[in-house]
Amino acid sequence: MLFQRMYIKLIVLFVLTVTSFIYAGDIIPYISPGIRIGWSIGNAITFGLKTSIGGLRNGSAYNVTVGGKFALYCYSKNRYYNHLICDIQYGRWLSADNTYHSSVLLGGGLGFGLGHKYSNQLEISPHASLFGGNGLFGTADFLIIPNKGIDKDIGLQGVLPIPLVKFDARGT
């Protein structure tokens, strides 16, 4: 319950911050659908879908991501539980001129949030993610499941950021 209340406050604060940047004209808002294939270490081959909404500002990306991760094939005797996830994420573009206008564009970042395990009971757990790449990202997800340990999942995720305003990607 404590995680839920704290997380709701963080989401509201984040949305207000991003909204203030949008109205200040300093941010390029975007929506980014994504698809992911991964390996829940020692347990299952996973598939995931996600949608992020956020903004780009001076080579950094801020967003709220909502998605799910599901077992395509479970090969262990332990049952794999599907998860719904909500994260607040931050990423930084690492380019030659330190902006998102460069032709060489690599990014990396991290996210923190909550995961909801699909089962007969409502179980909400802390979730963290690391990612890096360009269009196709390597990812590592960690879901702390009480009395069961940490579900570690590594994979590849493809994303398609769609700007919600017109901008010139060349910076001219």
Protein backbone atom coordinates (compact mmCIF):
# COMPACT_ATOMS: atom_id res chain seq x y z
CA MET A 1 0.00 0.00 0.00
CA LEU A 2 2.88 2.37 0.81
CA PHE A 3 4.40 1.79 -2.66
CA GLN A 4 1.05 2.56 -4.32
CA ARG A 5 0.54 5.91 -2.56
CA MET A 6 4.15 6.99 -3.07
CA TYR A 7 4.06 5.96 -6.71
CA ILE A 8 0.84 7.88 -7.44
CA LYS A 9 2.45 11.02 -5.97
CA LEU A 10 5.57 10.51 -8.11
CA ILE A 11 3.49 10.11 -11.28
CA VAL A 12 1.52 13.30 -10.53
CA LEU A 13 4.75 15.22 -9.84
CA PHE A 14 6.33 13.86 -13.02
CA VAL A 15 3.31 14.74 -15.19
CA LEU A 16 3.22 18.27 -13.74
CA THR A 17 6.95 18.69 -14.41
CA VAL A 18 6.70 17.46 -18.02
CA THR A 19 3.59 19.60 -18.57
CA SER A 20 5.41 22.71 -17.33
CA PHE A 21 8.29 22.04 -19.78
CA ILE A 22 5.82 21.57 -22.65
CA TYR A 23 4.12 24.86 -21.93
CA ALA A 24 7.51 26.56 -21.55
CA GLY A 25 8.36 25.42 -25.07
CA ASP A 26 11.54 23.64 -24.02
CA ILE A 27 10.39 20.10 -24.64
CA ILE A 28 9.35 17.99 -27.62
CA PRO A 29 6.50 15.74 -26.46
CA TYR A 30 6.33 12.23 -27.91
CA ILE A 31 4.56 8.91 -27.69
CA SER A 32 6.50 5.71 -28.26
CA PRO A 33 4.99 2.25 -28.76
CA GLY A 34 7.34 -0.69 -28.38
CA ILE A 35 7.60 -4.45 -28.66
CA ARG A 36 10.01 -6.67 -26.75
CA ILE A 37 11.27 -10.26 -26.78
CA GLY A 38 13.25 -11.50 -23.80
CA TRP A 39 14.45 -14.27 -21.57
CA SER A 40 13.31 -14.49 -17.95
CA ILE A 41 16.53 -16.07 -16.69
CA GLY A 42 15.99 -19.72 -15.88
CA ASN A 43 12.25 -19.61 -16.43
CA ALA A 44 10.68 -18.50 -19.72
CA ILE A 45 10.94 -16.82 -23.11
CA THR A 46 8.96 -13.58 -22.78
CA PHE A 47 7.11 -11.16 -25.05
CA GLY A 48 6.18 -7.61 -24.12
CA LEU A 49 4.29 -4.59 -25.37
CA LYS A 50 4.64 -1.08 -24.01
CA THR A 51 3.70 2.52 -24.64
CA SER A 52 5.65 5.51 -23.35
CA ILE A 53 4.58 9.13 -23.29
CA GLY A 54 7.00 11.87 -22.41
CA GLY A 55 9.29 14.53 -23.74
CA LEU A 56 12.73 15.21 -25.20
CA ARG A 57 14.72 18.11 -23.84
CA ASN A 58 18.38 18.94 -24.54
CA GLY A 59 19.31 15.36 -25.39
CA SER A 60 17.39 13.81 -22.50
CA ALA A 61 14.14 11.84 -22.58
CA TYR A 62 11.65 11.72 -19.72
CA ASN A 63 8.62 9.46 -19.87
CA VAL A 64 6.01 7.34 -18.18
CA THR A 65 5.89 3.81 -19.59
CA VAL A 66 3.03 1.36 -19.23
CA GLY A 67 3.27 -2.18 -20.57
CA GLY A 68 3.06 -5.87 -20.03
CA LYS A 69 5.35 -8.89 -20.18
CA PHE A 70 3.97 -12.34 -20.98
CA ALA A 71 5.43 -15.85 -21.24
CA LEU A 72 5.70 -17.20 -24.80
CA TYR A 73 7.24 -20.44 -23.62
CA CYS A 74 7.85 -21.54 -20.02
CA TYR A 75 10.52 -24.23 -19.70
CA SER A 76 10.98 -24.48 -15.93
CA LYS A 77 8.92 -26.26 -13.32
CA ASN A 78 8.30 -22.90 -11.66
CA ARG A 79 5.25 -21.11 -12.97
CA TYR A 80 5.94 -17.85 -14.80
CA TYR A 81 3.51 -15.04 -13.96
CA ASN A 82 2.66 -12.39 -16.52
CA HIS A 83 3.27 -8.81 -15.38
CA LEU A 84 1.82 -5.38 -15.98
CA ILE A 85 4.37 -2.62 -15.43
CA CYS A 86 4.31 1.15 -14.94
CA ASP A 87 7.67 2.98 -14.83
CA ILE A 88 8.97 6.50 -14.74
CA GLN A 89 12.00 6.51 -17.05
CA TYR A 90 14.91 8.78 -17.85
CA GLY A 91 17.24 8.40 -20.82
CA ARG A 92 20.14 10.38 -22.22
CA TRP A 93 21.23 10.58 -25.86
CA LEU A 94 24.96 10.04 -26.17
CA SER A 95 26.06 11.71 -29.39
CA ALA A 96 29.05 13.59 -30.74
CA ASP A 97 27.51 17.02 -30.20
CA ASN A 98 25.61 16.00 -27.02
CA THR A 99 22.18 16.59 -28.59
CA TYR A 100 19.55 14.51 -30.35
CA HIS A 101 20.39 16.34 -33.62
CA SER A 102 23.49 14.24 -34.35
CA SER A 103 23.54 11.57 -37.05
CA VAL A 104 25.17 9.20 -34.52
CA LEU A 105 22.54 8.69 -31.87
CA LEU A 106 22.88 6.22 -29.03
CA GLY A 107 20.89 6.36 -25.87
CA GLY A 108 20.80 4.75 -22.49
CA GLY A 109 18.74 5.07 -19.39
CA LEU A 110 16.88 3.60 -16.50
CA GLY A 111 13.42 3.35 -15.07
CA PHE A 112 11.78 2.69 -11.73
CA GLY A 113 8.21 1.81 -11.00
CA LEU A 114 5.80 -0.89 -10.02
CA GLY A 115 4.92 -4.24 -11.48
CA HIS A 116 1.65 -6.07 -11.01
CA LYS A 117 1.88 -9.85 -11.17
CA TYR A 118 -1.08 -11.49 -12.89
CA SER A 119 -2.32 -14.11 -10.43
CA ASN A 120 -5.30 -14.78 -8.21
CA GLN A 121 -4.14 -12.07 -5.81
CA LEU A 122 -3.23 -8.45 -6.35
CA GLU A 123 0.54 -8.40 -5.89
CA ILE A 124 2.33 -5.14 -6.57
CA SER A 125 6.13 -5.17 -6.49
CA PRO A 126 8.99 -2.74 -7.16
CA HIS A 127 10.29 -2.81 -10.74
CA ALA A 128 13.50 -1.43 -12.29
CA SER A 129 14.82 -1.40 -15.85
CA LEU A 130 18.02 -0.52 -17.71
CA PHE A 131 18.19 0.09 -21.47
CA GLY A 132 20.55 1.21 -24.18
CA GLY A 133 20.62 1.46 -27.98
CA ASN A 134 19.05 3.31 -30.88
CA GLY A 135 15.64 2.20 -32.16
CA LEU A 136 16.50 -1.32 -31.04
CA PHE A 137 17.43 -1.38 -27.36
CA GLY A 138 19.04 -3.98 -25.16
CA THR A 139 17.05 -4.16 -21.93
CA ALA A 140 17.34 -5.63 -18.45
CA ASP A 141 14.24 -5.75 -16.23
CA PHE A 142 14.13 -6.60 -12.54
CA LEU A 143 10.89 -7.30 -10.65
CA ILE A 144 11.20 -7.92 -6.90
CA ILE A 145 8.59 -10.52 -6.00
CA PRO A 146 8.02 -10.96 -2.23
CA ASN A 147 8.93 -14.43 -0.93
CA LYS A 148 10.12 -15.47 -4.42
CA GLY A 149 13.15 -13.28 -5.14
CA ILE A 150 13.95 -11.17 -8.19
CA ASP A 151 12.62 -11.96 -11.66
CA LYS A 152 15.49 -11.02 -13.99
CA ASP A 153 14.64 -10.61 -17.66
CA ILE A 154 17.00 -9.56 -20.45
CA GLY A 155 15.90 -8.85 -24.00
CA LEU A 156 15.69 -6.69 -27.10
CA GLN A 157 13.08 -3.99 -27.54
CA GLY A 158 12.13 -2.08 -30.66
CA VAL A 159 10.54 1.33 -30.24
CA LEU A 160 9.07 3.95 -32.56
CA PRO A 161 9.14 7.44 -30.98
CA ILE A 162 6.50 9.66 -32.60
CA PRO A 163 6.82 13.42 -31.95
CA LEU A 164 3.54 15.09 -31.01
CA VAL A 165 4.69 18.44 -32.46
CA LYS A 166 6.45 19.35 -35.67
CA PHE A 167 10.19 19.79 -35.29
CA ASP A 168 13.32 19.79 -37.42
CA ALA A 169 15.48 16.78 -36.46
CA ARG A 170 18.50 18.29 -38.22
CA GLY A 171 18.53 21.21 -35.82
CA THR A 172 18.46 23.80 -38.61
